[in-house]
């Protein structure tokens, strides 16, 4: 425990003393366990695993805290939502707030890539998403994720979780997710809506 706290202190000092342009290089060893699923540079090689590079750091930090809470057996509803995933719970459970924020900031300042070459027209169902997630999938809100350039299959899966939660389903599943706003929006979506939204946002440039 003492050694772990020492590492966190060193990381914390590095992040407060280092210029913003070099911060992404301060966390290579701590981030290594994440690379297998989320990619060395935060771009996942897996279709159902999200890209983390360029994502809002406050959003990333909140998701890790939600996984940590779920690992402790608390999946009770809160204003900031809840999330369950066995592997992520194992990763997040021993993490303190300082370490979580260091991870989140590390990934948030990495380049998210160039996006796809063909941008699809916005489906009508996406108009309900623009207030929180932005007109082009770049959210103006710190705790709300950018959707632009995210993995299509991952987006479909998350929307399905919110739809299930909105219908009172899925809370006992090994993987689950809820958020009061997203649950209410998701419960009316059909499969065609899910795929239309996911295809559209995945096609947008992430920057």
C-alpha atoms as a PDB file:
ATOM      1  CA  UNK A   1       0.000   0.000   0.000  1.00  0.00           C
ATOM      2  CA  UNK A   2       2.820   2.416   0.902  1.00  0.00           C
ATOM      3  CA  UNK A   3       4.593   1.647  -2.379  1.00  0.00           C
ATOM      4  CA  UNK A   4       1.361   2.239  -4.288  1.00  0.00           C
ATOM      5  CA  UNK A   5       0.814   5.590  -2.567  1.00  0.00           C
ATOM      6  CA  UNK A   6       4.390   6.561  -3.402  1.00  0.00           C
ATOM      7  CA  UNK A   7       3.776   5.814  -7.080  1.00  0.00           C
ATOM      8  CA  UNK A   8       0.596   7.900  -7.025  1.00  0.00           C
ATOM      9  CA  UNK A   9       2.438  10.786  -5.349  1.00  0.00           C
ATOM     10  CA  UNK A  10       5.177  10.706  -7.979  1.00  0.00           C
ATOM     11  CA  UNK A  11       2.615  10.569 -10.765  1.00  0.00           C
ATOM     12  CA  UNK A  12       0.656  13.407  -9.218  1.00  0.00           C
ATOM     13  CA  UNK A  13       3.738  15.614  -8.914  1.00  0.00           C
ATOM     14  CA  UNK A  14       4.721  14.846 -12.501  1.00  0.00           C
ATOM     15  CA  UNK A  15       1.299  15.863 -13.734  1.00  0.00           C
ATOM     16  CA  UNK A  16       1.307  19.159 -11.871  1.00  0.00           C
ATOM     17  CA  UNK A  17       4.861  20.098 -12.838  1.00  0.00           C
ATOM     18  CA  UNK A  18       4.961  19.002 -16.474  1.00  0.00           C
ATOM     19  CA  UNK A  19       3.851  21.254 -19.348  1.00  0.00           C
ATOM     20  CA  UNK A  20       0.591  20.121 -21.028  1.00  0.00           C
ATOM     21  CA  UNK A  21       2.367  19.159 -24.233  1.00  0.00           C
ATOM     22  CA  UNK A  22       4.397  16.451 -22.483  1.00  0.00           C
ATOM     23  CA  UNK A  23       1.802  15.050 -20.072  1.00  0.00           C
ATOM     24  CA  UNK A  24       0.868  12.103 -22.306  1.00  0.00           C
ATOM     25  CA  UNK A  25       4.349  10.638 -21.782  1.00  0.00           C
ATOM     26  CA  UNK A  26       4.132  10.576 -17.990  1.00  0.00           C
ATOM     27  CA  UNK A  27       1.999   7.460 -17.607  1.00  0.00           C
ATOM     28  CA  UNK A  28       3.409   4.711 -19.858  1.00  0.00           C
ATOM     29  CA  UNK A  29       3.938   1.983 -17.251  1.00  0.00           C
ATOM     30  CA  UNK A  30       0.661   2.474 -15.405  1.00  0.00           C
ATOM     31  CA  UNK A  31      -1.217   2.443 -18.712  1.00  0.00           C
ATOM     32  CA  UNK A  32       0.389  -0.759 -20.028  1.00  0.00           C
ATOM     33  CA  UNK A  33      -2.371  -3.082 -18.720  1.00  0.00           C
ATOM     34  CA  UNK A  34      -4.890  -1.026 -20.708  1.00  0.00           C
ATOM     35  CA  UNK A  35      -3.051  -1.318 -24.021  1.00  0.00           C
ATOM     36  CA  UNK A  36      -4.133  -4.878 -24.837  1.00  0.00           C
ATOM     37  CA  UNK A  37      -7.775  -3.866 -25.121  1.00  0.00           C
ATOM     38  CA  UNK A  38      -7.660  -0.104 -25.677  1.00  0.00           C
ATOM     39  CA  UNK A  39      -4.495   0.112 -27.766  1.00  0.00           C
ATOM     40  CA  UNK A  40      -1.068   1.550 -26.971  1.00  0.00           C
ATOM     41  CA  UNK A  41      -2.173   4.971 -28.202  1.00  0.00           C
ATOM     42  CA  UNK A  42      -5.744   4.736 -26.934  1.00  0.00           C
ATOM     43  CA  UNK A  43      -7.111   3.501 -30.283  1.00  0.00           C
ATOM     44  CA  UNK A  44      -8.642   0.087 -29.677  1.00  0.00           C
ATOM     45  CA  UNK A  45      -7.908  -2.809 -32.064  1.00  0.00           C
ATOM     46  CA  UNK A  46     -11.238  -4.383 -31.059  1.00  0.00           C
ATOM     47  CA  UNK A  47     -14.604  -3.419 -32.525  1.00  0.00           C
ATOM     48  CA  UNK A  48     -16.560  -3.573 -29.259  1.00  0.00           C
ATOM     49  CA  UNK A  49     -13.916  -1.894 -27.087  1.00  0.00           C
ATOM     50  CA  UNK A  50     -13.936   1.917 -27.069  1.00  0.00           C
ATOM     51  CA  UNK A  51     -11.218   4.237 -28.231  1.00  0.00           C
ATOM     52  CA  UNK A  52     -10.038   6.320 -25.283  1.00  0.00           C
ATOM     53  CA  UNK A  53      -7.732   8.740 -27.093  1.00  0.00           C
ATOM     54  CA  UNK A  54      -9.076  12.288 -27.183  1.00  0.00           C
ATOM     55  CA  UNK A  55     -12.073  11.507 -24.981  1.00  0.00           C
ATOM     56  CA  UNK A  56     -13.231  13.945 -22.271  1.00  0.00           C
ATOM     57  CA  UNK A  57     -11.114  13.305 -19.194  1.00  0.00           C
ATOM     58  CA  UNK A  58     -13.925  13.972 -16.727  1.00  0.00           C
ATOM     59  CA  UNK A  59     -16.088  11.438 -18.541  1.00  0.00           C
ATOM     60  CA  UNK A  60     -13.311   8.827 -18.523  1.00  0.00           C
ATOM     61  CA  UNK A  61     -12.687   9.413 -14.829  1.00  0.00           C
ATOM     62  CA  UNK A  62     -16.374   9.009 -14.008  1.00  0.00           C
ATOM     63  CA  UNK A  63     -16.582   5.723 -15.904  1.00  0.00           C
ATOM     64  CA  UNK A  64     -13.640   4.306 -13.970  1.00  0.00           C
ATOM     65  CA  UNK A  65     -15.285   5.418 -10.729  1.00  0.00           C
ATOM     66  CA  UNK A  66     -18.516   3.729 -11.798  1.00  0.00           C
ATOM     67  CA  UNK A  67     -16.636   0.476 -12.441  1.00  0.00           C
ATOM     68  CA  UNK A  68     -14.908   0.811  -9.072  1.00  0.00           C
ATOM     69  CA  UNK A  69     -18.269   1.317  -7.357  1.00  0.00           C
ATOM     70  CA  UNK A  70     -19.746  -1.713  -9.118  1.00  0.00           C
ATOM     71  CA  UNK A  71     -16.762  -3.820  -8.028  1.00  0.00           C
ATOM     72  CA  UNK A  72     -17.679  -3.047  -4.438  1.00  0.00           C
ATOM     73  CA  UNK A  73     -21.165  -4.413  -4.974  1.00  0.00           C
ATOM     74  CA  UNK A  74     -22.928  -1.080  -5.381  1.00  0.00           C
ATOM     75  CA  UNK A  75     -24.862  -0.756  -8.615  1.00  0.00           C
ATOM     76  CA  UNK A  76     -27.463   1.528  -7.069  1.00  0.00           C
ATOM     77  CA  UNK A  77     -28.836   4.309  -9.207  1.00  0.00           C
ATOM     78  CA  UNK A  78     -27.137   7.681  -8.944  1.00  0.00           C
ATOM     79  CA  UNK A  79     -27.220  10.874 -10.949  1.00  0.00           C
ATOM     80  CA  UNK A  80     -23.906  10.014 -12.576  1.00  0.00           C
ATOM     81  CA  UNK A  81     -25.029   6.594 -13.727  1.00  0.00           C
ATOM     82  CA  UNK A  82     -23.683   3.119 -13.144  1.00  0.00           C
ATOM     83  CA  UNK A  83     -21.727   0.596 -15.131  1.00  0.00           C
ATOM     84  CA  UNK A  84     -20.811  -3.062 -14.780  1.00  0.00           C
ATOM     85  CA  UNK A  85     -18.117  -4.989 -16.650  1.00  0.00           C
ATOM     86  CA  UNK A  86     -16.143  -7.805 -14.949  1.00  0.00           C
ATOM     87  CA  UNK A  87     -12.741  -6.989 -16.422  1.00  0.00           C
ATOM     88  CA  UNK A  88     -13.045  -3.249 -15.922  1.00  0.00           C
ATOM     89  CA  UNK A  89     -14.278  -3.705 -12.369  1.00  0.00           C
ATOM     90  CA  UNK A  90     -11.160  -5.764 -11.596  1.00  0.00           C
ATOM     91  CA  UNK A  91      -8.956  -3.051 -13.083  1.00  0.00           C
ATOM     92  CA  UNK A  92     -10.709  -0.141 -11.348  1.00  0.00           C
ATOM     93  CA  UNK A  93     -11.339  -1.598  -7.884  1.00  0.00           C
ATOM     94  CA  UNK A  94      -7.877  -0.863  -6.380  1.00  0.00           C
ATOM     95  CA  UNK A  95      -7.530   2.556  -8.021  1.00  0.00           C
ATOM     96  CA  UNK A  96      -7.676   5.752  -5.981  1.00  0.00           C
ATOM     97  CA  UNK A  97      -9.110   9.015  -7.261  1.00  0.00           C
ATOM     98  CA  UNK A  98      -5.682  10.457  -8.070  1.00  0.00           C
ATOM     99  CA  UNK A  99      -4.722   7.447 -10.156  1.00  0.00           C
ATOM    100  CA  UNK A 100      -8.068   7.458 -11.950  1.00  0.00           C
ATOM    101  CA  UNK A 101      -7.670  11.116 -12.880  1.00  0.00           C
ATOM    102  CA  UNK A 102      -4.104  10.512 -14.061  1.00  0.00           C
ATOM    103  CA  UNK A 103      -5.301   7.735 -16.379  1.00  0.00           C
ATOM    104  CA  UNK A 104      -8.166   9.877 -17.642  1.00  0.00           C
ATOM    105  CA  UNK A 105      -6.016  12.915 -18.418  1.00  0.00           C
ATOM    106  CA  UNK A 106      -3.372  10.724 -20.060  1.00  0.00           C
ATOM    107  CA  UNK A 107      -5.829   9.310 -22.588  1.00  0.00           C
ATOM    108  CA  UNK A 108      -7.754  12.550 -23.091  1.00  0.00           C
ATOM    109  CA  UNK A 109      -4.757  14.372 -24.564  1.00  0.00           C
ATOM    110  CA  UNK A 110      -3.744  11.625 -26.974  1.00  0.00           C
ATOM    111  CA  UNK A 111      -4.604  12.066 -30.649  1.00  0.00           C
ATOM    112  CA  UNK A 112      -7.877  10.372 -31.570  1.00  0.00           C
ATOM    113  CA  UNK A 113      -6.850   9.898 -35.208  1.00  0.00           C
ATOM    114  CA  UNK A 114      -8.316  11.236 -38.419  1.00  0.00           C
ATOM    115  CA  UNK A 115     -11.692   9.453 -38.480  1.00  0.00           C
ATOM    116  CA  UNK A 116     -13.273   7.908 -41.552  1.00  0.00           C
ATOM    117  CA  UNK A 117     -13.105   9.256 -45.083  1.00  0.00           C
ATOM    118  CA  UNK A 118     -16.882   9.216 -45.663  1.00  0.00           C
ATOM    119  CA  UNK A 119     -19.206  11.108 -43.329  1.00  0.00           C
ATOM    120  CA  UNK A 120     -22.763   9.804 -43.374  1.00  0.00           C
ATOM    121  CA  UNK A 121     -25.780  12.136 -43.327  1.00  0.00           C
ATOM    122  CA  UNK A 122     -27.284  12.678 -39.895  1.00  0.00           C
ATOM    123  CA  UNK A 123     -30.328  10.444 -39.317  1.00  0.00           C
ATOM    124  CA  UNK A 124     -33.419  12.152 -37.918  1.00  0.00           C
ATOM    125  CA  UNK A 125     -33.182  10.165 -34.698  1.00  0.00           C
ATOM    126  CA  UNK A 126     -29.820  11.846 -33.946  1.00  0.00           C
ATOM    127  CA  UNK A 127     -31.426  15.264 -33.453  1.00  0.00           C
ATOM    128  CA  UNK A 128     -32.304  14.259 -29.885  1.00  0.00           C
ATOM    129  CA  UNK A 129     -28.598  13.689 -29.165  1.00  0.00           C
ATOM    130  CA  UNK A 130     -27.198  17.063 -30.213  1.00  0.00           C
ATOM    131  CA  UNK A 131     -27.891  19.068 -27.040  1.00  0.00           C
ATOM    132  CA  UNK A 132     -25.556  16.905 -24.935  1.00  0.00           C
ATOM    133  CA  UNK A 133     -23.289  15.237 -27.500  1.00  0.00           C
ATOM    134  CA  UNK A 134     -22.922  18.158 -29.928  1.00  0.00           C
ATOM    135  CA  UNK A 135     -24.069  18.614 -33.517  1.00  0.00           C
ATOM    136  CA  UNK A 136     -21.015  16.761 -34.845  1.00  0.00           C
ATOM    137  CA  UNK A 137     -20.580  14.315 -31.999  1.00  0.00           C
ATOM    138  CA  UNK A 138     -18.165  16.532 -30.040  1.00  0.00           C
ATOM    139  CA  UNK A 139     -19.765  17.251 -26.683  1.00  0.00           C
ATOM    140  CA  UNK A 140     -19.657  20.752 -25.186  1.00  0.00           C
ATOM    141  CA  UNK A 141     -20.003  19.189 -21.714  1.00  0.00           C
ATOM    142  CA  UNK A 142     -17.102  17.850 -19.669  1.00  0.00           C
ATOM    143  CA  UNK A 143     -18.800  14.732 -18.295  1.00  0.00           C
ATOM    144  CA  UNK A 144     -20.564  13.808 -21.542  1.00  0.00           C
ATOM    145  CA  UNK A 145     -18.566  11.713 -24.033  1.00  0.00           C
ATOM    146  CA  UNK A 146     -17.627  12.630 -27.549  1.00  0.00           C
ATOM    147  CA  UNK A 147     -19.244  10.132 -29.928  1.00  0.00           C
ATOM    148  CA  UNK A 148     -17.546  11.190 -33.152  1.00  0.00           C
ATOM    149  CA  UNK A 149     -15.185   8.555 -34.509  1.00  0.00           C
ATOM    150  CA  UNK A 150     -16.039   5.995 -31.825  1.00  0.00           C
ATOM    151  CA  UNK A 151     -16.303   2.292 -32.677  1.00  0.00           C
ATOM    152  CA  UNK A 152     -19.641   1.502 -34.334  1.00  0.00           C
ATOM    153  CA  UNK A 153     -20.130  -1.873 -32.656  1.00  0.00           C
ATOM    154  CA  UNK A 154     -19.247  -0.385 -29.276  1.00  0.00           C
ATOM    155  CA  UNK A 155     -21.834   2.370 -29.716  1.00  0.00           C
ATOM    156  CA  UNK A 156     -24.523  -0.150 -30.654  1.00  0.00           C
ATOM    157  CA  UNK A 157     -23.739  -2.194 -27.548  1.00  0.00           C
ATOM    158  CA  UNK A 158     -23.875   0.805 -25.198  1.00  0.00           C
ATOM    159  CA  UNK A 159     -27.126   2.096 -26.673  1.00  0.00           C
ATOM    160  CA  UNK A 160     -28.620  -1.367 -26.202  1.00  0.00           C
ATOM    161  CA  UNK A 161     -27.566  -1.294 -22.528  1.00  0.00           C
ATOM    162  CA  UNK A 162     -29.297   2.050 -22.022  1.00  0.00           C
ATOM    163  CA  UNK A 163     -32.399   0.808 -23.846  1.00  0.00           C
ATOM    164  CA  UNK A 164     -32.542  -2.250 -21.605  1.00  0.00           C
ATOM    165  CA  UNK A 165     -32.085  -0.138 -18.484  1.00  0.00           C
ATOM    166  CA  UNK A 166     -34.844   2.211 -19.607  1.00  0.00           C
ATOM    167  CA  UNK A 167     -37.147  -0.771 -19.894  1.00  0.00           C
ATOM    168  CA  UNK A 168     -36.170  -2.098 -16.464  1.00  0.00           C
ATOM    169  CA  UNK A 169     -33.992  -4.878 -17.876  1.00  0.00           C
ATOM    170  CA  UNK A 170     -30.372  -5.937 -17.569  1.00  0.00           C
ATOM    171  CA  UNK A 171     -29.542  -4.813 -14.027  1.00  0.00           C
ATOM    172  CA  UNK A 172     -28.533  -8.329 -12.988  1.00  0.00           C
ATOM    173  CA  UNK A 173     -26.426  -8.990 -16.074  1.00  0.00           C
ATOM    174  CA  UNK A 174     -22.648  -9.376 -15.979  1.00  0.00           C
ATOM    175  CA  UNK A 175     -22.363  -6.337 -18.237  1.00  0.00           C
ATOM    176  CA  UNK A 176     -24.845  -3.512 -17.745  1.00  0.00           C
ATOM    177  CA  UNK A 177     -25.100   0.241 -17.813  1.00  0.00           C
ATOM    178  CA  UNK A 178     -27.582   2.894 -16.814  1.00  0.00           C
ATOM    179  CA  UNK A 179     -27.899   6.659 -16.795  1.00  0.00           C
ATOM    180  CA  UNK A 180     -31.147   8.463 -16.086  1.00  0.00           C
ATOM    181  CA  UNK A 181     -31.021  10.678 -19.189  1.00  0.00           C
ATOM    182  CA  UNK A 182     -29.757   7.961 -21.535  1.00  0.00           C
ATOM    183  CA  UNK A 183     -32.210   5.394 -20.202  1.00  0.00           C
ATOM    184  CA  UNK A 184     -35.163   7.652 -20.949  1.00  0.00           C
ATOM    185  CA  UNK A 185     -33.837   8.423 -24.422  1.00  0.00           C
ATOM    186  CA  UNK A 186     -32.858   4.846 -25.184  1.00  0.00           C
ATOM    187  CA  UNK A 187     -36.011   3.031 -24.155  1.00  0.00           C
ATOM    188  CA  UNK A 188     -37.881   4.156 -27.294  1.00  0.00           C
ATOM    189  CA  UNK A 189     -35.146   3.172 -29.766  1.00  0.00           C
ATOM    190  CA  UNK A 190     -35.604   0.178 -32.044  1.00  0.00           C
ATOM    191  CA  UNK A 191     -32.740  -1.806 -33.566  1.00  0.00           C
ATOM    192  CA  UNK A 192     -32.803   0.275 -36.751  1.00  0.00           C
ATOM    193  CA  UNK A 193     -32.382   3.426 -34.649  1.00  0.00           C
ATOM    194  CA  UNK A 194     -29.447   1.932 -32.755  1.00  0.00           C
ATOM    195  CA  UNK A 195     -27.542   1.031 -35.903  1.00  0.00           C
ATOM    196  CA  UNK A 196     -28.362   4.319 -37.638  1.00  0.00           C
ATOM    197  CA  UNK A 197     -27.008   6.315 -34.693  1.00  0.00           C
ATOM    198  CA  UNK A 198     -23.902   4.149 -34.335  1.00  0.00           C
ATOM    199  CA  UNK A 199     -23.054   4.260 -38.054  1.00  0.00           C
ATOM    200  CA  UNK A 200     -23.494   8.024 -38.179  1.00  0.00           C
ATOM    201  CA  UNK A 201     -21.366   8.893 -35.159  1.00  0.00           C
ATOM    202  CA  UNK A 202     -18.670   6.376 -36.081  1.00  0.00           C
ATOM    203  CA  UNK A 203     -18.346   8.066 -39.470  1.00  0.00           C
ATOM    204  CA  UNK A 204     -17.696  11.542 -38.053  1.00  0.00           C
ATOM    205  CA  UNK A 205     -14.162  12.908 -37.621  1.00  0.00           C
ATOM    206  CA  UNK A 206     -13.221  12.845 -33.959  1.00  0.00           C
ATOM    207  CA  UNK A 207     -11.635  16.294 -34.179  1.00  0.00           C
END
